[in-house]
Amino acid sequence: SFEQRIAQELQEYFTGRLIHFTVPVAPEGTDFEKRVWQAIGDIP
C-alpha cells in the first residue's frame, strides 16, 4: 500500500493534480548534500 501511495502521488504530480508530496524520503548523502537538497525542496 505504501508503494501504491508513492505511485499515486507521482502519477498525480505528472498530471498536474499534486503540488506537494506527502511520502517520506530518505536520501543518503553528505551533510552538505542534505543541506542543498533541503534548500531545493523549499523552492515553491
All heavy atoms as atom14 arrays in JSON, in Angstrom:
{
  "sequence": "SFEQRIAQELQEYFTGRLIHFTVPVAPEGTDFEKRVWQAIGDIP",
  "atom14_mask": [
    [1, 1, 1, 1, 1, 1, 0, 0, 0, 0, 0, 0, 0, 0],
    [1, 1, 1, 1, 1, 1, 1, 1, 1, 1, 1, 0, 0, 0],
    [1, 1, 1, 1, 1, 1, 1, 1, 1, 0, 0, 0, 0, 0],
    [1, 1, 1, 1, 1, 1, 1, 1, 1, 0, 0, 0, 0, 0],
    [1, 1, 1, 1, 1, 1, 1, 1, 1, 1, 1, 0, 0, 0],
    [1, 1, 1, 1, 1, 1, 1, 1, 0, 0, 0, 0, 0, 0],
    [1, 1, 1, 1, 1, 0, 0, 0, 0, 0, 0, 0, 0, 0],
    [1, 1, 1, 1, 1, 1, 1, 1, 1, 0, 0, 0, 0, 0],
    [1, 1, 1, 1, 1, 1, 1, 1, 1, 0, 0, 0, 0, 0],
    [1, 1, 1, 1, 1, 1, 1, 1, 0, 0, 0, 0, 0, 0],
    [1, 1, 1, 1, 1, 1, 1, 1, 1, 0, 0, 0, 0, 0],
    [1, 1, 1, 1, 1, 1, 1, 1, 1, 0, 0, 0, 0, 0],
    [1, 1, 1, 1, 1, 1, 1, 1, 1, 1, 1, 1, 0, 0],
    [1, 1, 1, 1, 1, 1, 1, 1, 1, 1, 1, 0, 0, 0],
    [1, 1, 1, 1, 1, 1, 1, 0, 0, 0, 0, 0, 0, 0],
    [1, 1, 1, 1, 0, 0, 0, 0, 0, 0, 0, 0, 0, 0],
    [1, 1, 1, 1, 1, 1, 1, 1, 1, 1, 1, 0, 0, 0],
    [1, 1, 1, 1, 1, 1, 1, 1, 0, 0, 0, 0, 0, 0],
    [1, 1, 1, 1, 1, 1, 1, 1, 0, 0, 0, 0, 0, 0],
    [1, 1, 1, 1, 1, 1, 1, 1, 1, 1, 0, 0, 0, 0],
    [1, 1, 1, 1, 1, 1, 1, 1, 1, 1, 1, 0, 0, 0],
    [1, 1, 1, 1, 1, 1, 1, 0, 0, 0, 0, 0, 0, 0],
    [1, 1, 1, 1, 1, 1, 1, 0, 0, 0, 0, 0, 0, 0],
    [1, 1, 1, 1, 1, 1, 1, 0, 0, 0, 0, 0, 0, 0],
    [1, 1, 1, 1, 1, 1, 1, 0, 0, 0, 0, 0, 0, 0],
    [1, 1, 1, 1, 1, 0, 0, 0, 0, 0, 0, 0, 0, 0],
    [1, 1, 1, 1, 1, 1, 1, 0, 0, 0, 0, 0, 0, 0],
    [1, 1, 1, 1, 1, 1, 1, 1, 1, 0, 0, 0, 0, 0],
    [1, 1, 1, 1, 0, 0, 0, 0, 0, 0, 0, 0, 0, 0],
    [1, 1, 1, 1, 1, 1, 1, 0, 0, 0, 0, 0, 0, 0],
    [1, 1, 1, 1, 1, 1, 1, 1, 0, 0, 0, 0, 0, 0],
    [1, 1, 1, 1, 1, 1, 1, 1, 1, 1, 1, 0, 0, 0],
    [1, 1, 1, 1, 1, 1, 1, 1, 1, 0, 0, 0, 0, 0],
    [1, 1, 1, 1, 1, 1, 1, 1, 1, 0, 0, 0, 0, 0],
    [1, 1, 1, 1, 1, 1, 1, 1, 1, 1, 1, 0, 0, 0],
    [1, 1, 1, 1, 1, 1, 1, 0, 0, 0, 0, 0, 0, 0],
    [1, 1, 1, 1, 1, 1, 1, 1, 1, 1, 1, 1, 1, 1],
    [1, 1, 1, 1, 1, 1, 1, 1, 1, 0, 0, 0, 0, 0],
    [1, 1, 1, 1, 1, 0, 0, 0, 0, 0, 0, 0, 0, 0],
    [1, 1, 1, 1, 1, 1, 1, 1, 0, 0, 0, 0, 0, 0],
    [1, 1, 1, 1, 0, 0, 0, 0, 0, 0, 0, 0, 0, 0],
    [1, 1, 1, 1, 1, 1, 1, 1, 0, 0, 0, 0, 0, 0],
    [1, 1, 1, 1, 1, 1, 1, 1, 0, 0, 0, 0, 0, 0],
    [1, 1, 1, 1, 1, 1, 1, 0, 0, 0, 0, 0, 0, 0]
  ],
  "atom14_positions": [
    [[0.84, -1.21, 0.0], [0.0, 0.0, 0.0], [0.87, 1.25, 0.0], [0.51, 2.26, -0.62], [-0.96, 0.0, 1.19], [-0.25, -0.03, 2.4], [0.0, 0.0, 0.0], [0.0, 0.0, 0.0], [0.0, 0.0, 0.0], [0.0, 0.0, 0.0], [0.0, 0.0, 0.0], [0.0, 0.0, 0.0], [0.0, 0.0, 0.0], [0.0, 0.0, 0.0]],
    [[2.03, 1.21, 0.65], [2.92, 2.36, 0.64], [3.47, 2.6, -0.77], [3.51, 3.74, -1.24], [4.07, 2.16, 1.64], [5.03, 3.3, 1.69], [4.61, 4.58, 2.04], [6.37, 3.11, 1.38], [5.49, 5.65, 2.09], [7.27, 4.17, 1.42], [6.83, 5.44, 1.78], [0.0, 0.0, 0.0], [0.0, 0.0, 0.0], [0.0, 0.0, 0.0]],
    [[3.88, 1.54, -1.45], [4.35, 1.68, -2.82], [3.24, 2.22, -3.73], [3.5, 3.06, -4.61], [4.88, 0.34, -3.35], [6.17, -0.09, -2.69], [6.61, -1.49, -3.09], [5.81, -2.24, -3.7], [7.75, -1.84, -2.79], [0.0, 0.0, 0.0], [0.0, 0.0, 0.0], [0.0, 0.0, 0.0], [0.0, 0.0, 0.0], [0.0, 0.0, 0.0]],
    [[2.03, 1.76, -3.52], [0.91, 2.26, -4.32], [0.65, 3.74, -4.04], [0.33, 4.5, -4.95], [-0.33, 1.41, -4.06], [-0.18, 0.02, -4.63], [-1.27, -0.94, -4.17], [-2.19, -0.58, -3.46], [-1.14, -2.2, -4.58], [0.0, 0.0, 0.0], [0.0, 0.0, 0.0], [0.0, 0.0, 0.0], [0.0, 0.0, 0.0], [0.0, 0.0, 0.0]],
    [[0.84, 4.16, -2.79], [0.68, 5.58, -2.45], [1.75, 6.42, -3.14], [1.46, 7.5, -3.68], [0.77, 5.75, -0.93], [0.58, 7.17, -0.48], [0.56, 7.25, 1.03], [1.27, 8.45, 1.43], [1.99, 8.57, 2.52], [2.1, 7.56, 3.36], [2.58, 9.69, 2.8], [0.0, 0.0, 0.0], [0.0, 0.0, 0.0], [0.0, 0.0, 0.0]],
    [[2.99, 5.93, -3.17], [4.07, 6.63, -3.87], [3.72, 6.77, -5.35], [3.81, 7.86, -5.93], [5.41, 5.87, -3.72], [5.86, 5.85, -2.26], [6.49, 6.49, -4.62], [6.96, 4.83, -1.98], [0.0, 0.0, 0.0], [0.0, 0.0, 0.0], [0.0, 0.0, 0.0], [0.0, 0.0, 0.0], [0.0, 0.0, 0.0], [0.0, 0.0, 0.0]],
    [[3.31, 5.67, -5.95], [2.95, 5.67, -7.37], [1.8, 6.63, -7.64], [1.84, 7.4, -8.61], [2.58, 4.26, -7.83], [0.0, 0.0, 0.0], [0.0, 0.0, 0.0], [0.0, 0.0, 0.0], [0.0, 0.0, 0.0], [0.0, 0.0, 0.0], [0.0, 0.0, 0.0], [0.0, 0.0, 0.0], [0.0, 0.0, 0.0], [0.0, 0.0, 0.0]],
    [[0.79, 6.63, -6.76], [-0.35, 7.53, -6.95], [0.09, 8.99, -6.87], [-0.31, 9.8, -7.71], [-1.42, 7.25, -5.9], [-2.61, 8.2, -6.03], [-3.66, 7.95, -4.97], [-3.57, 7.04, -4.16], [-4.69, 8.77, -4.98], [0.0, 0.0, 0.0], [0.0, 0.0, 0.0], [0.0, 0.0, 0.0], [0.0, 0.0, 0.0], [0.0, 0.0, 0.0]],
    [[0.92, 9.33, -5.89], [1.37, 10.72, -5.77], [2.19, 11.14, -6.99], [2.02, 12.25, -7.5], [2.16, 10.93, -4.47], [1.26, 10.95, -3.26], [1.93, 11.51, -2.01], [3.01, 12.13, -2.11], [1.35, 11.34, -0.93], [0.0, 0.0, 0.0], [0.0, 0.0, 0.0], [0.0, 0.0, 0.0], [0.0, 0.0, 0.0], [0.0, 0.0, 0.0]],
    [[3.07, 10.27, -7.46], [3.87, 10.61, -8.63], [2.98, 10.76, -9.87], [3.15, 11.7, -10.65], [4.97, 9.59, -8.86], [6.16, 9.75, -7.89], [7.01, 8.49, -7.87], [6.98, 10.97, -8.26], [0.0, 0.0, 0.0], [0.0, 0.0, 0.0], [0.0, 0.0, 0.0], [0.0, 0.0, 0.0], [0.0, 0.0, 0.0], [0.0, 0.0, 0.0]],
    [[2.01, 9.86, -10.04], [1.08, 9.98, -11.16], [0.32, 11.3, -11.09], [0.15, 11.99, -12.1], [0.08, 8.82, -11.17], [0.67, 7.48, -11.52], [1.01, 7.34, -13.0], [0.77, 8.22, -13.81], [1.6, 6.21, -13.35], [0.0, 0.0, 0.0], [0.0, 0.0, 0.0], [0.0, 0.0, 0.0], [0.0, 0.0, 0.0], [0.0, 0.0, 0.0]],
    [[-0.15, 11.66, -9.9], [-0.89, 12.9, -9.74], [0.0, 14.12, -10.0], [-0.46, 15.11, -10.57], [-1.52, 12.98, -8.35], [-2.69, 12.02, -8.2], [-3.31, 12.03, -6.82], [-2.87, 12.82, -5.94], [-4.25, 11.25, -6.6], [0.0, 0.0, 0.0], [0.0, 0.0, 0.0], [0.0, 0.0, 0.0], [0.0, 0.0, 0.0], [0.0, 0.0, 0.0]],
    [[1.26, 14.04, -9.6], [2.2, 15.14, -9.9], [2.32, 15.3, -11.42], [2.23, 16.41, -11.95], [3.57, 14.88, -9.28], [4.6, 15.84, -9.83], [4.7, 17.14, -9.33], [5.43, 15.47, -10.89], [5.61, 18.04, -9.88], [6.33, 16.36, -11.43], [6.41, 17.65, -10.92], [7.3, 18.54, -11.47], [0.0, 0.0, 0.0], [0.0, 0.0, 0.0]],
    [[2.54, 14.2, -12.13], [2.77, 14.27, -13.57], [1.52, 14.67, -14.37], [1.63, 15.01, -15.54], [3.34, 12.95, -14.1], [4.81, 12.79, -13.8], [5.25, 11.92, -12.83], [5.75, 13.52, -14.5], [6.6, 11.78, -12.55], [7.11, 13.4, -14.23], [7.53, 12.53, -13.25], [0.0, 0.0, 0.0], [0.0, 0.0, 0.0], [0.0, 0.0, 0.0]],
    [[0.36, 14.62, -13.74], [-0.84, 15.11, -14.42], [-1.21, 16.51, -13.96], [-2.23, 17.05, -14.4], [-2.04, 14.16, -14.19], [-2.3, 14.07, -12.79], [-1.78, 12.79, -14.79], [0.0, 0.0, 0.0], [0.0, 0.0, 0.0], [0.0, 0.0, 0.0], [0.0, 0.0, 0.0], [0.0, 0.0, 0.0], [0.0, 0.0, 0.0], [0.0, 0.0, 0.0]],
    [[-0.42, 17.08, -13.05], [-0.66, 18.44, -12.59], [-1.66, 18.56, -11.45], [-2.04, 19.65, -11.07], [0.0, 0.0, 0.0], [0.0, 0.0, 0.0], [0.0, 0.0, 0.0], [0.0, 0.0, 0.0], [0.0, 0.0, 0.0], [0.0, 0.0, 0.0], [0.0, 0.0, 0.0], [0.0, 0.0, 0.0], [0.0, 0.0, 0.0], [0.0, 0.0, 0.0]],
    [[-2.08, 17.43, -10.87], [-3.06, 17.47, -9.79], [-2.43, 17.51, -8.41], [-3.14, 17.69, -7.42], [-3.99, 16.26, -9.88], [-4.9, 16.31, -11.1], [-5.98, 15.24, -11.06], [-5.51, 13.92, -10.69], [-5.29, 12.93, -11.55], [-5.5, 13.1, -12.84], [-4.89, 11.76, -11.13], [0.0, 0.0, 0.0], [0.0, 0.0, 0.0], [0.0, 0.0, 0.0]],
    [[-1.11, 17.34, -8.29], [-0.43, 17.32, -6.99], [0.75, 18.28, -7.03], [1.56, 18.21, -7.95], [0.05, 15.9, -6.67], [0.77, 15.75, -5.34], [-0.24, 15.43, -4.25], [1.82, 14.66, -5.41], [0.0, 0.0, 0.0], [0.0, 0.0, 0.0], [0.0, 0.0, 0.0], [0.0, 0.0, 0.0], [0.0, 0.0, 0.0], [0.0, 0.0, 0.0]],
    [[0.82, 19.14, -6.04], [1.97, 20.06, -5.98], [2.84, 19.83, -4.75], [3.94, 20.35, -4.67], [1.55, 21.53, -6.07], [0.66, 21.93, -4.92], [0.86, 21.8, -7.39], [0.38, 23.43, -4.85], [0.0, 0.0, 0.0], [0.0, 0.0, 0.0], [0.0, 0.0, 0.0], [0.0, 0.0, 0.0], [0.0, 0.0, 0.0], [0.0, 0.0, 0.0]],
    [[2.35, 19.05, -3.78], [3.13, 18.75, -2.57], [3.09, 17.25, -2.31], [2.0, 16.67, -2.18], [2.55, 19.47, -1.35], [2.61, 20.94, -1.45], [3.79, 21.64, -1.38], [1.64, 21.85, -1.62], [3.53, 22.92, -1.52], [2.24, 23.08, -1.67], [0.0, 0.0, 0.0], [0.0, 0.0, 0.0], [0.0, 0.0, 0.0], [0.0, 0.0, 0.0]],
    [[4.25, 16.64, -2.22], [4.33, 15.21, -1.91], [4.21, 15.02, -0.4], [4.69, 15.84, 0.38], [5.66, 14.62, -2.4], [5.75, 14.57, -3.89], [6.45, 15.55, -4.59], [5.13, 13.57, -4.61], [6.55, 15.52, -5.97], [5.21, 13.53, -6.0], [5.92, 14.5, -6.67], [0.0, 0.0, 0.0], [0.0, 0.0, 0.0], [0.0, 0.0, 0.0]],
    [[3.58, 13.93, 0.0], [3.48, 13.6, 1.42], [4.29, 12.37, 1.8], [4.47, 12.1, 2.98], [2.01, 13.37, 1.83], [1.5, 12.22, 1.15], [1.16, 14.59, 1.53], [0.0, 0.0, 0.0], [0.0, 0.0, 0.0], [0.0, 0.0, 0.0], [0.0, 0.0, 0.0], [0.0, 0.0, 0.0], [0.0, 0.0, 0.0], [0.0, 0.0, 0.0]],
    [[4.76, 11.62, 0.81], [5.53, 10.41, 1.13], [6.89, 10.81, 1.7], [7.5, 11.77, 1.23], [5.71, 9.5, -0.1], [4.38, 8.93, -0.54], [6.4, 10.2, -1.24], [0.0, 0.0, 0.0], [0.0, 0.0, 0.0], [0.0, 0.0, 0.0], [0.0, 0.0, 0.0], [0.0, 0.0, 0.0], [0.0, 0.0, 0.0], [0.0, 0.0, 0.0]],
    [[7.35, 10.11, 2.73], [8.65, 10.43, 3.29], [9.78, 10.01, 2.36], [9.65, 9.03, 1.62], [8.69, 9.64, 4.6], [7.72, 8.52, 4.4], [6.68, 9.02, 3.43], [0.0, 0.0, 0.0], [0.0, 0.0, 0.0], [0.0, 0.0, 0.0], [0.0, 0.0, 0.0], [0.0, 0.0, 0.0], [0.0, 0.0, 0.0], [0.0, 0.0, 0.0]],
    [[10.86, 10.77, 2.39], [12.05, 10.43, 1.61], [13.22, 10.27, 2.56], [13.25, 10.87, 3.64], [12.37, 11.49, 0.54], [11.25, 11.59, -0.48], [12.65, 12.84, 1.16], [0.0, 0.0, 0.0], [0.0, 0.0, 0.0], [0.0, 0.0, 0.0], [0.0, 0.0, 0.0], [0.0, 0.0, 0.0], [0.0, 0.0, 0.0], [0.0, 0.0, 0.0]],
    [[14.16, 9.43, 2.17], [15.36, 9.19, 2.98], [16.58, 9.16, 2.06], [17.17, 8.1, 1.84], [15.22, 7.88, 3.75], [0.0, 0.0, 0.0], [0.0, 0.0, 0.0], [0.0, 0.0, 0.0], [0.0, 0.0, 0.0], [0.0, 0.0, 0.0], [0.0, 0.0, 0.0], [0.0, 0.0, 0.0], [0.0, 0.0, 0.0], [0.0, 0.0, 0.0]],
    [[16.95, 10.3, 1.51], [18.12, 10.32, 0.62], [19.41, 10.18, 1.41], [19.56, 10.78, 2.48], [18.02, 11.7, -0.05], [17.33, 12.55, 0.97], [16.35, 11.63, 1.67], [0.0, 0.0, 0.0], [0.0, 0.0, 0.0], [0.0, 0.0, 0.0], [0.0, 0.0, 0.0], [0.0, 0.0, 0.0], [0.0, 0.0, 0.0], [0.0, 0.0, 0.0]],
    [[20.3, 9.37, 0.91], [21.61, 9.23, 1.54], [22.59, 10.16, 0.86], [22.67, 10.2, -0.37], [22.09, 7.78, 1.45], [21.28, 6.85, 2.32], [21.85, 5.44, 2.36], [22.76, 5.12, 1.56], [21.38, 4.66, 3.18], [0.0, 0.0, 0.0], [0.0, 0.0, 0.0], [0.0, 0.0, 0.0], [0.0, 0.0, 0.0], [0.0, 0.0, 0.0]],
    [[23.31, 10.92, 1.67], [24.3, 11.85, 1.13], [25.07, 12.49, 2.26], [24.84, 12.22, 3.44], [0.0, 0.0, 0.0], [0.0, 0.0, 0.0], [0.0, 0.0, 0.0], [0.0, 0.0, 0.0], [0.0, 0.0, 0.0], [0.0, 0.0, 0.0], [0.0, 0.0, 0.0], [0.0, 0.0, 0.0], [0.0, 0.0, 0.0], [0.0, 0.0, 0.0]],
    [[25.98, 13.36, 1.88], [26.78, 14.07, 2.87], [25.93, 15.15, 3.54], [24.84, 15.48, 3.06], [27.99, 14.76, 2.2], [27.5, 15.79, 1.33], [28.84, 13.76, 1.41], [0.0, 0.0, 0.0], [0.0, 0.0, 0.0], [0.0, 0.0, 0.0], [0.0, 0.0, 0.0], [0.0, 0.0, 0.0], [0.0, 0.0, 0.0], [0.0, 0.0, 0.0]],
    [[26.43, 15.72, 4.62], [25.71, 16.8, 5.28], [25.5, 17.97, 4.32], [24.43, 18.57, 4.29], [26.45, 17.28, 6.53], [26.39, 16.26, 7.67], [25.51, 15.38, 7.65], [27.24, 16.36, 8.58], [0.0, 0.0, 0.0], [0.0, 0.0, 0.0], [0.0, 0.0, 0.0], [0.0, 0.0, 0.0], [0.0, 0.0, 0.0], [0.0, 0.0, 0.0]],
    [[26.52, 18.3, 3.52], [26.4, 19.38, 2.55], [25.3, 19.07, 1.54], [24.45, 19.91, 1.26], [27.74, 19.62, 1.83], [27.65, 20.69, 0.77], [27.73, 22.03, 1.12], [27.48, 20.35, -0.57], [27.64, 23.03, 0.14], [27.39, 21.34, -1.55], [27.46, 22.68, -1.18], [0.0, 0.0, 0.0], [0.0, 0.0, 0.0], [0.0, 0.0, 0.0]],
    [[25.3, 17.85, 0.99], [24.27, 17.47, 0.02], [22.88, 17.57, 0.63], [21.96, 18.09, 0.0], [24.53, 16.05, -0.5], [25.73, 15.96, -1.41], [26.15, 14.55, -1.73], [25.83, 13.61, -0.96], [26.83, 14.36, -2.76], [0.0, 0.0, 0.0], [0.0, 0.0, 0.0], [0.0, 0.0, 0.0], [0.0, 0.0, 0.0], [0.0, 0.0, 0.0]],
    [[22.73, 17.13, 1.87], [21.42, 17.19, 2.52], [20.97, 18.64, 2.71], [19.78, 18.94, 2.57], [21.43, 16.44, 3.84], [21.5, 14.93, 3.67], [21.55, 14.23, 5.0], [21.66, 12.72, 4.82], [21.71, 12.03, 6.11], [0.0, 0.0, 0.0], [0.0, 0.0, 0.0], [0.0, 0.0, 0.0], [0.0, 0.0, 0.0], [0.0, 0.0, 0.0]],
    [[21.89, 19.54, 3.02], [21.53, 20.96, 3.14], [21.06, 21.5, 1.79], [20.08, 22.25, 1.71], [22.71, 21.77, 3.68], [22.95, 21.54, 5.15], [23.91, 22.51, 5.82], [24.7, 23.39, 5.02], [26.01, 23.27, 4.79], [26.69, 22.27, 5.31], [26.65, 24.16, 4.05], [0.0, 0.0, 0.0], [0.0, 0.0, 0.0], [0.0, 0.0, 0.0]],
    [[21.78, 21.12, 0.74], [21.4, 21.55, -0.61], [20.02, 20.99, -0.95], [19.14, 21.71, -1.43], [22.45, 21.11, -1.66], [21.92, 21.29, -3.08], [23.76, 21.87, -1.45], [0.0, 0.0, 0.0], [0.0, 0.0, 0.0], [0.0, 0.0, 0.0], [0.0, 0.0, 0.0], [0.0, 0.0, 0.0], [0.0, 0.0, 0.0], [0.0, 0.0, 0.0]],
    [[19.8, 19.7, -0.71], [18.53, 19.08, -1.06], [17.38, 19.7, -0.26], [16.29, 19.87, -0.79], [18.58, 17.57, -0.85], [19.63, 16.89, -1.69], [20.16, 17.34, -2.88], [20.3, 15.68, -1.4], [21.09, 16.45, -3.34], [21.21, 15.43, -2.46], [20.23, 14.77, -0.36], [22.02, 14.3, -2.49], [21.04, 13.64, -0.38], [21.93, 13.42, -1.45]],
    [[17.62, 20.04, 1.0], [16.57, 20.69, 1.79], [16.23, 22.05, 1.18], [15.06, 22.4, 1.04], [17.02, 20.87, 3.25], [15.96, 21.49, 4.14], [14.73, 20.61, 4.32], [14.85, 19.45, 4.72], [13.56, 21.14, 4.04], [0.0, 0.0, 0.0], [0.0, 0.0, 0.0], [0.0, 0.0, 0.0], [0.0, 0.0, 0.0], [0.0, 0.0, 0.0]],
    [[17.24, 22.8, 0.8], [17.0, 24.11, 0.17], [16.28, 23.96, -1.16], [15.38, 24.75, -1.48], [18.32, 24.86, -0.01], [0.0, 0.0, 0.0], [0.0, 0.0, 0.0], [0.0, 0.0, 0.0], [0.0, 0.0, 0.0], [0.0, 0.0, 0.0], [0.0, 0.0, 0.0], [0.0, 0.0, 0.0], [0.0, 0.0, 0.0], [0.0, 0.0, 0.0]],
    [[16.64, 22.95, -1.93], [15.95, 22.7, -3.2], [14.49, 22.36, -2.93], [13.59, 22.81, -3.63], [16.65, 21.58, -4.0], [18.0, 22.07, -4.52], [15.76, 21.07, -5.14], [18.87, 20.98, -5.13], [0.0, 0.0, 0.0], [0.0, 0.0, 0.0], [0.0, 0.0, 0.0], [0.0, 0.0, 0.0], [0.0, 0.0, 0.0], [0.0, 0.0, 0.0]],
    [[14.25, 21.58, -1.89], [12.88, 21.23, -1.54], [12.03, 22.41, -1.14], [10.8, 22.35, -1.2], [0.0, 0.0, 0.0], [0.0, 0.0, 0.0], [0.0, 0.0, 0.0], [0.0, 0.0, 0.0], [0.0, 0.0, 0.0], [0.0, 0.0, 0.0], [0.0, 0.0, 0.0], [0.0, 0.0, 0.0], [0.0, 0.0, 0.0], [0.0, 0.0, 0.0]],
    [[12.67, 23.5, -0.74], [11.94, 24.7, -0.34], [11.59, 25.6, -1.52], [10.89, 26.6, -1.35], [12.78, 25.5, 0.67], [12.87, 24.79, 2.02], [12.04, 23.89, 2.3], [13.79, 25.13, 2.8], [0.0, 0.0, 0.0], [0.0, 0.0, 0.0], [0.0, 0.0, 0.0], [0.0, 0.0, 0.0], [0.0, 0.0, 0.0], [0.0, 0.0, 0.0]],
    [[12.06, 25.27, -2.73], [11.7, 26.07, -3.91], [10.23, 25.79, -4.2], [9.84, 24.65, -4.43], [12.56, 25.69, -5.14], [14.05, 25.88, -4.86], [12.13, 26.53, -6.36], [14.97, 25.29, -5.92], [0.0, 0.0, 0.0], [0.0, 0.0, 0.0], [0.0, 0.0, 0.0], [0.0, 0.0, 0.0], [0.0, 0.0, 0.0], [0.0, 0.0, 0.0]],
    [[9.4, 26.82, -4.21], [7.97, 26.59, -4.44], [7.68, 25.99, -5.81], [8.39, 26.24, -6.78], [7.36, 28.0, -4.34], [8.34, 28.78, -3.53], [9.7, 28.22, -3.91], [0.0, 0.0, 0.0], [0.0, 0.0, 0.0], [0.0, 0.0, 0.0], [0.0, 0.0, 0.0], [0.0, 0.0, 0.0], [0.0, 0.0, 0.0], [0.0, 0.0, 0.0]]
  ]
}
